[in-house]
Amino acid sequence: MDLVKELEWRGLLHDMIPGTQELLNKEQVSGYIGFDPTADSLHIGNLVPVMLLVHLQRAGHKPIALVGGATGMVGDPSGKSAERQLLDVEQIQKNLEGQEKQLRKFLSFEGENSAEVVNNYDWFKEIDFLEFIRDVGKHITVNYMMAKDSVKNRLEGGMSFTEFSYQLVQGYDFLHLFQHKNCKLQMGGSDQWGNITTGTELIRRKAGGEAYALTAPLLKKSDGQKFGKSEGGNVWLDPEKTSPYKFYQYWINVSDEDAPNLIKIFTLLDESTINDLVVRHQNEPHLRLLQKTLAEEVTKMVHSEVALKTAQAASSILFGKSTKDQLDAIDERTFLEVFAGVPKAELAKSEMEDGLDVIDALSGKTGFLKSNGEARRALKENSISVNKNKVQEGYTISKLDLINDKYVLLQRGKRNYFIVQVK
């Protein structure tokens, strides 16, 4: 596989140092990407650099994921309008452990091009300040550092020496990996170009070597908004932060304009398969084939086949028939997420001891419908469902109807839902 051509058609190539493609086609290359430990989970914005490493390995090269135990203490100014608050050592360690666990899901750690996870704190903890500014700082001029966009864009508002020094610290990472792991390539987002080329320059000046850079474009949605955000904030890879159901829903709901690009970037489907999907989607856009395929592939990759099936089952609840067993199979958190915003009423368990007449459940006990008369009319119209199953007047809701031993789902028509919670 020609890595550069693969990245090009997928929309994952923004820029590279001349000679990068020739190097990749000539020999097996070790390449790395750094991950900033600002949180204990990666989010879907981080999937772009993750996919770069995945494709690097698929092309026969060796991927190195660097978790920034040291750089996380300094703070990357790239793309930031103000200095961020620094994290303490304990929080950084917690974040590193969470991210490393996630990174290991995407890469193979076996074979001759097995992946590796490294932490730059392992080498920086041995270096003192005077040694660093003497042996590293003297090789990069202030003029060179000032010319970087990450610095120029912040000069008017001011930036601390801590953040100013960040590019030197990241540059040294590249030098260390070049010297100790024969790493000749660093990849990242296009906003990292300045930091990466500081590393290639340091390798040239201090080690007399040649190193290379390759970046991917920063991803934005067709409406110009930053990719990876939802109304609730970041879409995380950690299922405790963003459930597989919400994760799946994010991809299902991407726009028709964005779907053709996103399926190239975030799946491993080949070019002919994706082109065929695009044509079929254009012919029948109402089927949302691109979005469904994208959601399936990414949810399966990030979570699991089981999590995908659960998310799909939860998604289908709103649009089709479900059995009580299918509703019970969905965990409580996902059930509540599916019906977020649906009105609720609480009943005591004692009120369910001898069963609950459906008319009482619809009106007198819950207020779902305004009156017993309205409830009877709705039942005669055959528009009332309990747990997605149609019921008639005279039906008694019992403990056997409780979903997760706690909820009853009432429904009038297709879209009018109500939840009874039994406490």
Protein backbone atom coordinates (compact mmCIF):
# COMPACT_ATOMS: atom_id res chain seq x y z
CA MET A 1 0.00 0.00 0.00
CA ASP A 2 1.31 3.44 -0.97
CA LEU A 3 0.65 5.35 2.25
CA VAL A 4 0.69 8.82 0.70
CA LYS A 5 -1.74 7.87 -2.09
CA GLU A 6 -4.00 6.19 0.48
CA LEU A 7 -4.05 9.30 2.66
CA GLU A 8 -4.62 11.54 -0.36
CA TRP A 9 -7.82 9.88 -1.58
CA ARG A 10 -9.12 9.68 1.98
CA GLY A 11 -8.64 13.43 2.48
CA LEU A 12 -6.05 12.85 5.20
CA LEU A 13 -3.07 14.59 3.61
CA HIS A 14 -2.42 18.29 4.09
CA ASP A 15 1.34 18.76 3.78
CA MET A 16 4.62 16.86 3.97
CA ILE A 17 8.33 17.56 3.79
CA PRO A 18 9.78 16.83 0.33
CA GLY A 19 11.19 13.31 0.21
CA THR A 20 8.63 11.84 2.63
CA GLN A 21 6.88 9.74 -0.01
CA GLU A 22 10.18 8.45 -1.39
CA LEU A 23 11.30 7.44 2.12
CA LEU A 24 8.03 5.58 2.81
CA ASN A 25 8.24 3.72 -0.49
CA LYS A 26 11.91 2.81 0.00
CA GLU A 27 12.05 1.34 3.52
CA GLN A 28 10.08 0.39 6.59
CA VAL A 29 9.76 3.59 8.62
CA SER A 30 9.03 4.22 12.28
CA GLY A 31 6.65 7.17 12.63
CA TYR A 32 5.06 8.77 15.65
CA ILE A 33 2.24 11.02 16.75
CA GLY A 34 1.97 12.73 20.12
CA PHE A 35 -1.22 12.80 22.19
CA ASP A 36 -1.84 15.58 24.69
CA PRO A 37 -3.08 14.26 28.07
CA THR A 38 -5.63 17.03 28.71
CA ALA A 39 -8.36 14.47 29.55
CA ASP A 40 -8.54 10.83 30.65
CA SER A 41 -10.20 9.90 27.36
CA LEU A 42 -9.63 10.65 23.72
CA HIS A 43 -12.53 12.16 21.76
CA ILE A 44 -13.54 11.75 18.13
CA GLY A 45 -11.41 14.72 17.10
CA ASN A 46 -8.40 12.61 18.17
CA LEU A 47 -9.48 9.85 15.79
CA VAL A 48 -7.85 11.67 12.86
CA PRO A 49 -4.28 11.20 14.21
CA VAL A 50 -5.24 7.71 15.40
CA MET A 51 -6.28 6.82 11.84
CA LEU A 52 -2.95 8.18 10.55
CA LEU A 53 -1.17 5.65 12.78
CA VAL A 54 -3.54 2.88 11.69
CA HIS A 55 -2.82 3.57 8.00
CA LEU A 56 0.91 3.83 8.69
CA GLN A 57 0.84 0.34 10.17
CA ARG A 58 -1.38 -1.03 7.37
CA ALA A 59 1.26 0.20 4.91
CA GLY A 60 3.87 -1.95 6.67
CA HIS A 61 5.51 0.76 8.79
CA LYS A 62 5.95 0.91 12.57
CA PRO A 63 3.61 3.25 14.49
CA ILE A 64 4.63 4.88 17.75
CA ALA A 65 2.00 6.59 19.90
CA LEU A 66 3.61 9.09 22.26
CA VAL A 67 1.62 10.03 25.34
CA GLY A 68 2.84 13.35 26.66
CA GLY A 69 3.59 12.92 30.33
CA ALA A 70 6.20 15.70 30.03
CA THR A 71 4.68 17.93 27.32
CA GLY A 72 1.36 17.77 29.16
CA MET A 73 3.03 19.66 32.00
CA VAL A 74 3.97 22.51 29.64
CA GLY A 75 0.88 22.94 27.45
CA ASP A 76 0.78 23.20 23.66
CA PRO A 77 -0.03 26.78 22.49
CA SER A 78 -0.92 25.62 18.96
CA GLY A 79 -4.41 26.77 18.03
CA LYS A 80 -4.97 28.26 21.52
CA SER A 81 -5.96 31.89 22.01
CA ALA A 82 -5.05 31.90 25.70
CA GLU A 83 -2.82 29.99 28.07
CA ARG A 84 -4.55 27.01 29.57
CA GLN A 85 -4.46 25.94 33.17
CA LEU A 86 -1.73 23.41 33.85
CA LEU A 87 -2.66 19.99 35.24
CA ASP A 88 -1.05 18.40 38.28
CA VAL A 89 1.07 15.26 38.03
CA GLU A 90 -1.62 12.94 39.44
CA GLN A 91 -4.25 14.12 36.93
CA ILE A 92 -1.82 13.83 34.02
CA GLN A 93 -0.97 10.25 35.06
CA LYS A 94 -4.66 9.34 35.25
CA ASN A 95 -5.22 10.87 31.81
CA LEU A 96 -2.23 9.03 30.33
CA GLU A 97 -3.47 5.67 31.58
CA GLY A 98 -6.92 6.23 30.10
CA GLN A 99 -5.59 7.34 26.72
CA GLU A 100 -3.00 4.56 26.46
CA LYS A 101 -5.69 1.94 27.09
CA GLN A 102 -7.76 3.40 24.25
CA LEU A 103 -4.84 3.69 21.81
CA ARG A 104 -4.07 -0.01 22.24
CA LYS A 105 -7.49 -0.87 20.76
CA PHE A 106 -6.62 0.55 17.34
CA LEU A 107 -3.13 -0.79 16.68
CA SER A 108 -1.52 -4.22 16.48
CA PHE A 109 1.25 -4.86 19.00
CA GLU A 110 2.47 -8.02 17.29
CA GLY A 111 4.60 -8.68 14.20
CA GLU A 112 7.66 -7.02 12.71
CA ASN A 113 5.94 -3.62 12.55
CA SER A 114 4.32 -3.90 15.97
CA ALA A 115 3.06 -0.68 17.49
CA GLU A 116 4.61 0.91 20.54
CA VAL A 117 3.31 3.35 23.16
CA VAL A 118 5.92 5.61 24.77
CA ASN A 119 5.74 8.33 27.41
CA ASN A 120 8.07 11.30 26.99
CA TYR A 121 8.28 11.77 30.75
CA ASP A 122 10.46 8.63 30.78
CA TRP A 123 13.33 10.55 29.18
CA PHE A 124 12.60 14.09 30.34
CA LYS A 125 12.69 13.09 34.01
CA GLU A 126 16.44 12.44 33.57
CA ILE A 127 17.21 15.88 32.08
CA ASP A 128 17.83 18.98 34.20
CA PHE A 129 17.00 22.51 33.07
CA LEU A 130 20.57 23.74 32.52
CA GLU A 131 21.46 20.64 30.54
CA PHE A 132 18.41 21.15 28.31
CA ILE A 133 18.97 24.84 27.50
CA ARG A 134 22.67 24.21 26.90
CA ASP A 135 22.46 21.05 24.79
CA VAL A 136 19.15 21.63 23.02
CA GLY A 137 18.29 25.32 23.21
CA LYS A 138 21.51 26.47 21.56
CA HIS A 139 20.63 24.62 18.33
CA ILE A 140 17.39 26.55 17.68
CA THR A 141 17.42 30.36 17.39
CA VAL A 142 14.82 32.63 18.95
CA ASN A 143 14.18 34.08 15.47
CA TYR A 144 13.30 30.60 14.22
CA MET A 145 10.94 30.01 17.14
CA MET A 146 9.29 33.43 16.80
CA ALA A 147 8.44 32.73 13.16
CA LYS A 148 6.11 29.85 14.09
CA ASP A 149 2.38 30.55 13.80
CA SER A 150 1.77 29.14 17.28
CA VAL A 151 3.95 31.96 18.63
CA LYS A 152 3.10 34.77 16.18
CA ASN A 153 -0.62 34.39 16.79
CA ARG A 154 -0.14 34.89 20.50
CA LEU A 155 2.39 37.72 20.64
CA GLU A 156 -0.14 40.53 20.95
CA GLY A 157 -1.91 38.97 23.93
CA GLY A 158 1.31 37.61 25.37
CA MET A 159 2.48 34.08 26.10
CA SER A 160 4.54 32.70 28.95
CA PHE A 161 8.04 31.32 28.54
CA THR A 162 6.54 27.95 29.49
CA GLU A 163 4.38 27.84 26.37
CA PHE A 164 7.05 29.50 24.23
CA SER A 165 9.40 26.62 25.10
CA TYR A 166 6.84 23.96 24.09
CA GLN A 167 8.13 23.58 20.54
CA LEU A 168 11.62 22.89 21.89
CA VAL A 169 10.28 20.18 24.19
CA GLN A 170 8.29 18.53 21.38
CA GLY A 171 11.25 18.93 19.06
CA TYR A 172 13.42 17.08 21.54
CA ASP A 173 10.89 14.22 21.59
CA PHE A 174 11.49 13.75 17.86
CA LEU A 175 15.26 13.91 18.37
CA HIS A 176 15.11 11.31 21.17
CA LEU A 177 12.96 8.92 19.11
CA PHE A 178 15.22 9.47 16.08
CA GLN A 179 18.32 8.58 18.11
CA HIS A 180 16.88 5.73 20.20
CA LYS A 181 14.18 4.17 18.00
CA ASN A 182 15.32 5.16 14.48
CA CYS A 183 12.10 7.17 14.13
CA LYS A 184 12.31 9.30 10.97
CA LEU A 185 8.72 10.53 10.64
CA GLN A 186 6.38 12.60 12.77
CA MET A 187 2.72 13.03 11.84
CA GLY A 188 -0.09 15.14 13.23
CA GLY A 189 -2.71 17.76 12.46
CA SER A 190 -1.81 20.71 10.24
CA ASP A 191 -1.69 22.96 13.33
CA GLN A 192 1.32 20.87 14.49
CA TRP A 193 3.47 21.71 11.45
CA GLY A 194 5.53 24.30 13.35
CA ASN A 195 6.25 21.99 16.29
CA ILE A 196 7.07 19.06 13.99
CA THR A 197 9.47 21.01 11.79
CA THR A 198 11.26 22.29 14.90
CA GLY A 199 11.98 18.62 15.56
CA THR A 200 13.27 17.97 12.03
CA GLU A 201 15.48 21.07 12.32
CA LEU A 202 16.85 19.94 15.69
CA ILE A 203 17.63 16.49 14.25
CA ARG A 204 19.45 18.14 11.34
CA ARG A 205 21.46 20.56 13.49
CA LYS A 206 22.24 18.42 16.53
CA ALA A 207 22.34 14.88 15.11
CA GLY A 208 23.22 15.61 11.48
CA GLY A 209 20.26 13.47 10.41
CA GLU A 210 17.29 13.77 8.11
CA ALA A 211 13.76 13.49 9.41
CA TYR A 212 10.36 13.99 7.79
CA ALA A 213 6.91 15.35 8.51
CA LEU A 214 3.39 14.61 7.31
CA THR A 215 0.22 16.37 8.43
CA ALA A 216 -3.52 15.91 7.99
CA PRO A 217 -5.94 18.82 7.50
CA LEU A 218 -7.88 20.11 10.48
CA LEU A 219 -11.36 18.70 10.11
CA LYS A 220 -14.38 20.99 9.93
CA LYS A 221 -18.00 20.28 9.13
CA SER A 222 -19.60 21.64 5.95
CA ASP A 223 -21.24 24.42 7.97
CA GLY A 224 -17.82 25.61 9.15
CA GLN A 225 -18.20 24.34 12.73
CA LYS A 226 -15.44 22.40 14.44
CA PHE A 227 -15.80 18.67 13.94
CA GLY A 228 -16.26 16.46 16.98
CA LYS A 229 -18.54 18.65 19.06
CA SER A 230 -22.16 17.92 19.87
CA GLU A 231 -24.70 19.92 21.86
CA GLY A 232 -23.38 18.21 24.97
CA GLY A 233 -19.72 19.01 24.20
CA ASN A 234 -17.05 16.54 23.12
CA VAL A 235 -18.01 13.11 21.81
CA TRP A 236 -15.70 10.88 23.87
CA LEU A 237 -14.35 7.40 23.14
CA ASP A 238 -14.88 6.41 26.79
CA PRO A 239 -18.33 4.75 27.04
CA GLU A 240 -18.74 6.20 30.53
CA LYS A 241 -18.48 9.72 29.13
CA THR A 242 -20.36 9.15 25.87
CA SER A 243 -22.49 5.99 25.75
CA PRO A 244 -22.25 3.75 22.66
CA TYR A 245 -25.86 4.75 21.89
CA LYS A 246 -25.07 8.49 21.86
CA PHE A 247 -21.82 7.78 20.01
CA TYR A 248 -23.74 5.83 17.33
CA GLN A 249 -26.37 8.57 17.12
CA TYR A 250 -23.69 11.23 16.49
CA TRP A 251 -22.56 9.46 13.31
CA ILE A 252 -26.11 8.58 12.20
CA ASN A 253 -26.98 12.27 12.32
CA VAL A 254 -24.09 13.69 10.27
CA SER A 255 -25.22 15.69 7.26
CA ASP A 256 -25.41 14.41 3.69
CA GLU A 257 -22.71 16.97 2.83
CA ASP A 258 -20.28 15.64 5.46
CA ALA A 259 -20.96 11.89 5.21
CA PRO A 260 -18.90 11.18 2.01
CA ASN A 261 -15.79 12.78 3.55
CA LEU A 262 -16.22 11.28 7.02
CA ILE A 263 -16.65 7.71 5.77
CA LYS A 264 -13.30 8.01 3.95
CA ILE A 265 -11.53 9.37 7.01
CA PHE A 266 -12.97 7.25 9.81
CA THR A 267 -13.43 3.80 8.26
CA LEU A 268 -11.12 1.28 6.61
CA LEU A 269 -13.54 0.56 3.76
CA ASP A 270 -11.71 0.61 0.41
CA GLU A 271 -12.13 3.25 -2.28
CA SER A 272 -14.37 1.25 -4.62
CA THR A 273 -16.69 0.24 -1.75
CA ILE A 274 -17.01 3.85 -0.60
CA ASN A 275 -17.56 5.15 -4.14
CA ASP A 276 -20.34 2.59 -4.60
CA LEU A 277 -21.93 3.63 -1.29
CA VAL A 278 -21.80 7.30 -2.33
CA VAL A 279 -23.59 6.57 -5.63
CA ARG A 280 -26.26 4.45 -3.89
CA HIS A 281 -26.72 7.18 -1.27
CA GLN A 282 -27.15 9.86 -3.94
CA ASN A 283 -29.82 7.74 -5.66
CA GLU A 284 -31.73 7.08 -2.43
CA PRO A 285 -30.65 9.69 0.15
CA HIS A 286 -33.69 9.02 2.35
CA LEU A 287 -32.22 5.61 3.25
CA ARG A 288 -29.18 7.36 4.81
CA LEU A 289 -26.95 4.50 3.69
CA LEU A 290 -23.71 6.46 4.15
CA GLN A 291 -24.60 7.55 7.67
CA LYS A 292 -25.69 4.05 8.72
CA THR A 293 -22.53 2.44 7.33
CA LEU A 294 -20.33 5.12 8.91
CA ALA A 295 -22.04 4.75 12.30
CA GLU A 296 -21.74 0.96 12.19
CA GLU A 297 -18.06 0.92 11.22
CA VAL A 298 -16.90 3.55 13.72
CA THR A 299 -18.98 2.28 16.66
CA LYS A 300 -17.69 -1.25 16.06
CA MET A 301 -14.09 -0.02 15.84
CA VAL A 302 -14.21 2.21 18.94
CA HIS A 303 -16.48 0.06 21.13
CA SER A 304 -17.39 -3.45 19.96
CA GLU A 305 -19.80 -5.49 17.87
CA VAL A 306 -21.93 -6.06 20.99
CA ALA A 307 -22.05 -2.33 21.76
CA LEU A 308 -23.02 -1.63 18.14
CA LYS A 309 -25.93 -4.09 18.30
CA THR A 310 -27.12 -2.54 21.57
CA ALA A 311 -26.95 0.95 20.06
CA GLN A 312 -28.84 -0.20 16.97
CA ALA A 313 -31.49 -1.91 19.08
CA ALA A 314 -31.91 1.24 21.18
CA SER A 315 -32.16 3.38 18.03
CA SER A 316 -34.85 1.14 16.56
CA ILE A 317 -37.10 1.48 19.63
CA LEU A 318 -38.36 4.87 18.49
CA PHE A 319 -39.13 3.75 14.95
CA GLY A 320 -40.42 0.18 15.17
CA LYS A 321 -41.97 -2.51 17.32
CA SER A 322 -40.03 -3.88 20.26
CA THR A 323 -40.72 -6.77 22.57
CA LYS A 324 -40.49 -6.54 26.34
CA ASP A 325 -37.36 -8.73 26.18
CA GLN A 326 -35.74 -6.31 23.72
CA LEU A 327 -36.53 -3.35 25.97
CA ASP A 328 -35.13 -5.24 28.98
CA ALA A 329 -31.93 -6.00 27.05
CA ILE A 330 -31.11 -2.29 26.92
CA ASP A 331 -29.39 -1.04 30.06
CA GLU A 332 -31.11 1.62 32.15
CA ARG A 333 -28.73 4.41 31.11
CA THR A 334 -29.32 3.77 27.41
CA PHE A 335 -33.10 3.46 27.95
CA LEU A 336 -33.17 6.89 29.60
CA GLU A 337 -30.96 8.38 26.89
CA VAL A 338 -33.28 7.09 24.16
CA PHE A 339 -36.21 8.76 25.91
CA ALA A 340 -34.39 11.87 27.13
CA GLY A 341 -36.85 14.73 27.41
CA VAL A 342 -39.89 12.43 27.54
CA PRO A 343 -42.26 13.44 30.40
CA LYS A 344 -42.29 11.16 33.43
CA ALA A 345 -44.38 10.38 36.46
CA GLU A 346 -43.50 8.41 39.58
CA LEU A 347 -45.64 5.79 41.27
CA ALA A 348 -45.02 3.92 44.49
CA LYS A 349 -44.50 0.17 44.22
CA SER A 350 -47.52 -0.33 46.46
CA GLU A 351 -49.72 1.11 43.72
CA MET A 352 -48.63 -1.77 41.48
CA GLU A 353 -49.24 -4.58 43.98
CA ASP A 354 -52.56 -5.68 42.48
CA GLY A 355 -51.85 -4.30 39.02
CA LEU A 356 -52.67 -0.90 37.52
CA ASP A 357 -55.62 -0.41 35.20
CA VAL A 358 -54.46 1.11 31.93
CA ILE A 359 -56.92 4.02 32.19
CA ASP A 360 -55.53 4.93 35.62
CA ALA A 361 -52.01 4.69 34.16
CA LEU A 362 -52.93 7.00 31.29
CA SER A 363 -54.77 9.69 33.18
CA GLY A 364 -55.65 9.63 36.90
CA LYS A 365 -52.32 8.35 38.23
CA THR A 366 -49.92 10.01 35.80
CA GLY A 367 -51.54 12.87 33.91
CA PHE A 368 -50.23 11.57 30.58
CA LEU A 369 -53.72 12.16 29.13
CA LYS A 370 -56.05 14.84 30.48
CA SER A 371 -58.97 12.67 31.54
CA ASN A 372 -60.36 9.14 31.76
CA GLY A 373 -62.64 10.03 28.87
CA GLU A 374 -59.69 10.95 26.66
CA ALA A 375 -57.96 7.73 27.70
CA ARG A 376 -61.00 5.63 26.72
CA ARG A 377 -61.26 7.36 23.33
CA ALA A 378 -57.58 6.77 22.65
CA LEU A 379 -57.93 3.09 23.57
CA LYS A 380 -60.93 2.73 21.24
CA GLU A 381 -58.89 4.36 18.47
CA ASN A 382 -56.25 1.64 19.04
CA SER A 383 -53.59 4.31 19.52
CA ILE A 384 -52.30 3.29 22.98
CA SER A 385 -49.25 1.06 23.50
CA VAL A 386 -47.65 -0.25 26.67
CA ASN A 387 -43.98 -1.05 26.13
CA LYS A 388 -44.49 -0.66 22.34
CA ASN A 389 -47.35 -3.19 22.24
CA LYS A 390 -50.94 -2.12 21.47
CA VAL A 391 -53.43 -2.59 24.34
CA GLN A 392 -57.20 -2.27 24.75
CA GLU A 393 -59.46 -1.02 27.53
CA GLY A 394 -59.41 -3.46 30.43
CA TYR A 395 -55.66 -4.10 30.20
CA THR A 396 -53.92 -4.27 33.58
CA ILE A 397 -50.29 -3.22 33.91
CA SER A 398 -48.49 -5.60 36.27
CA LYS A 399 -45.00 -6.03 37.67
CA LEU A 400 -44.25 -8.23 34.67
CA ASP A 401 -44.54 -5.11 32.49
CA LEU A 402 -41.75 -3.29 34.32
CA ILE A 403 -38.68 -2.59 32.14
CA ASN A 404 -35.51 -3.14 34.19
CA ASP A 405 -37.90 -3.72 37.15
CA LYS A 406 -38.52 0.01 37.22
CA TYR A 407 -40.15 1.59 34.14
CA VAL A 408 -43.29 1.35 32.02
CA LEU A 409 -43.27 2.98 28.59
CA LEU A 410 -46.62 4.43 27.54
CA GLN A 411 -47.27 5.66 24.01
CA ARG A 412 -50.08 7.37 22.14
CA GLY A 413 -49.71 7.30 18.38
CA LYS A 414 -46.23 7.19 16.85
CA ARG A 415 -44.39 9.95 18.66
CA ASN A 416 -46.17 10.75 21.94
CA TYR A 417 -44.27 8.93 24.73
CA PHE A 418 -44.55 8.92 28.51
CA ILE A 419 -42.51 7.06 31.15
CA VAL A 420 -43.89 5.77 34.44
CA GLN A 421 -41.16 5.15 36.99
CA VAL A 422 -42.08 2.82 39.84
CA LYS A 423 -40.20 3.46 43.08
